[in-house]
Protein backbone atom coordinates (compact mmCIF):
# COMPACT_ATOMS: atom_id res chain seq x y z
CA UNK A 1 -67.58 -167.27 44.58
CA UNK A 2 -66.88 -170.28 42.28
CA UNK A 3 -66.64 -169.62 38.50
CA UNK A 4 -69.33 -171.01 36.41
CA UNK A 5 -68.22 -174.00 34.15
CA UNK A 6 -67.66 -173.02 30.49
CA UNK A 7 -69.71 -174.58 28.02
CA UNK A 8 -67.81 -176.62 25.30
CA UNK A 9 -69.30 -174.43 22.64
CA UNK A 10 -67.81 -171.36 24.16
CA UNK A 11 -64.29 -172.94 24.06
CA UNK A 12 -64.91 -174.04 20.41
CA UNK A 13 -65.94 -170.40 19.61
CA UNK A 14 -62.81 -168.92 21.37
CA UNK A 15 -60.59 -171.39 19.44
CA UNK A 16 -62.26 -170.65 16.06
CA UNK A 17 -62.22 -166.82 16.63
CA UNK A 18 -58.49 -167.03 17.68
CA UNK A 19 -57.60 -168.34 14.12
CA UNK A 20 -60.35 -166.46 12.14
CA UNK A 21 -57.74 -163.92 10.70
CA UNK A 22 -55.51 -166.72 9.62
CA UNK A 23 -58.33 -168.64 8.11
CA UNK A 24 -59.63 -165.48 6.29
CA UNK A 25 -56.18 -164.78 4.77
CA UNK A 26 -55.70 -168.42 3.54
CA UNK A 27 -59.16 -168.69 1.95
CA UNK A 28 -59.19 -165.25 0.53
CA UNK A 29 -55.88 -165.98 -1.22
CA UNK A 30 -57.52 -169.11 -2.61
CA UNK A 31 -60.74 -167.67 -3.89
CA UNK A 32 -60.21 -163.83 -4.33
CA UNK A 33 -63.60 -162.76 -3.02
CA UNK A 34 -64.66 -161.55 0.24
CA UNK A 35 -68.16 -162.85 -0.05
CA UNK A 36 -67.08 -166.30 -0.92
CA UNK A 37 -64.50 -166.13 1.74
CA UNK A 38 -67.04 -165.31 4.37
CA UNK A 39 -69.40 -168.23 3.03
CA UNK A 40 -66.36 -170.65 3.39
CA UNK A 41 -65.54 -169.50 6.91
CA UNK A 42 -69.12 -169.92 7.95
CA UNK A 43 -69.15 -173.38 6.62
CA UNK A 44 -65.87 -174.24 8.47
CA UNK A 45 -67.32 -172.83 11.63
CA UNK A 46 -70.50 -175.09 11.29
CA UNK A 47 -68.30 -178.08 10.75
CA UNK A 48 -66.09 -177.22 13.72
CA UNK A 49 -69.05 -176.43 16.03
CA UNK A 50 -70.72 -179.81 14.73
CA UNK A 51 -67.63 -181.74 15.77
CA UNK A 52 -67.64 -180.27 19.42
CA UNK A 53 -71.25 -181.18 19.75
CA UNK A 54 -70.59 -184.92 19.00
CA UNK A 55 -70.23 -186.86 22.27
CA UNK A 56 -67.70 -189.40 20.51
CA UNK A 57 -65.29 -186.70 19.26
CA UNK A 58 -61.75 -186.95 20.56
CA UNK A 59 -59.45 -184.22 21.32
CA UNK A 60 -57.84 -182.32 18.43
CA UNK A 61 -54.06 -182.15 18.96
CA UNK A 62 -53.37 -179.22 16.77
CA UNK A 63 -56.34 -176.83 16.60
CA UNK A 64 -54.65 -174.53 14.13
CA UNK A 65 -53.93 -177.27 11.65
CA UNK A 66 -57.21 -178.87 11.90
CA UNK A 67 -59.25 -175.46 11.34
CA UNK A 68 -56.79 -174.74 8.29
CA UNK A 69 -57.64 -178.02 6.96
CA UNK A 70 -61.37 -177.71 7.31
CA UNK A 71 -61.30 -174.13 5.69
CA UNK A 72 -58.97 -175.23 2.87
CA UNK A 73 -61.13 -178.17 2.07
CA UNK A 74 -64.15 -175.94 1.96
CA UNK A 75 -62.47 -173.38 -0.21
CA UNK A 76 -61.49 -176.02 -2.69
CA UNK A 77 -65.07 -177.37 -2.96
CA UNK A 78 -66.20 -173.70 -3.26
CA UNK A 79 -63.81 -173.09 -6.06
CA UNK A 80 -64.74 -176.14 -7.94
CA UNK A 81 -68.32 -175.21 -7.64
CA UNK A 82 -67.51 -171.85 -8.90
CA UNK A 83 -65.54 -172.95 -11.85
CA UNK A 84 -68.49 -175.12 -12.98
CA UNK A 85 -70.68 -172.10 -12.84
CA UNK A 86 -68.17 -169.40 -14.16
CA UNK A 87 -68.62 -167.80 -17.53
CA UNK A 88 -65.90 -167.71 -19.88
CA UNK A 89 -63.85 -164.69 -19.28
CA UNK A 90 -61.15 -163.29 -21.78
CA UNK A 91 -58.70 -161.18 -19.93
CA UNK A 92 -56.74 -161.17 -16.80
CA UNK A 93 -58.30 -162.26 -13.45
CA UNK A 94 -57.99 -159.88 -10.59
CA UNK A 95 -58.93 -160.62 -7.06
CA UNK A 96 -61.64 -158.38 -5.38
CA UNK A 97 -59.84 -155.55 -3.49
CA UNK A 98 -59.94 -155.30 0.24
CA UNK A 99 -61.00 -151.99 1.63
CA UNK A 100 -58.60 -150.81 4.44
CA UNK A 101 -58.74 -147.76 6.69
CA UNK A 102 -56.65 -145.54 4.74
CA UNK A 103 -58.92 -146.30 1.54
CA UNK A 104 -62.05 -145.61 3.54
CA UNK A 105 -60.56 -142.23 4.56
CA UNK A 106 -59.71 -141.27 0.94
CA UNK A 107 -63.22 -142.40 -0.13
CA UNK A 108 -64.87 -140.22 2.59
CA UNK A 109 -62.75 -137.24 1.42
CA UNK A 110 -63.75 -137.46 -2.20
CA UNK A 111 -67.45 -137.93 -1.24
CA UNK A 112 -67.29 -134.76 1.04
CA UNK A 113 -65.53 -132.90 -1.88
CA UNK A 114 -68.21 -133.85 -4.33
CA UNK A 115 -70.93 -133.04 -1.95
CA UNK A 116 -69.57 -129.59 -1.68
CA UNK A 117 -69.78 -128.99 -5.49
């Protein structure tokens, strides 16, 4: 049985997903918001997949660097947009906290204890 040829979009998806965690951490450190980070990664994915659909697009020598550059450019544009719309806030700016597995377990225990009361 001969393997079916892979579609170029499948390769682009695999490459992007391989670096998604890195891209998330870079963009999150720039923006401090999970929602904004997800929006930027969506824009980066759209730019990456559009590049792969162009017939005249040449090969990318360093996929990791290329994807990070796309994500950073999108994050800078998002940050500029947010700063134009941001209200004046007096006080320290704190990034949005990320919920991790241990945090989720503690939250579940508190919710269970509150339900028993």
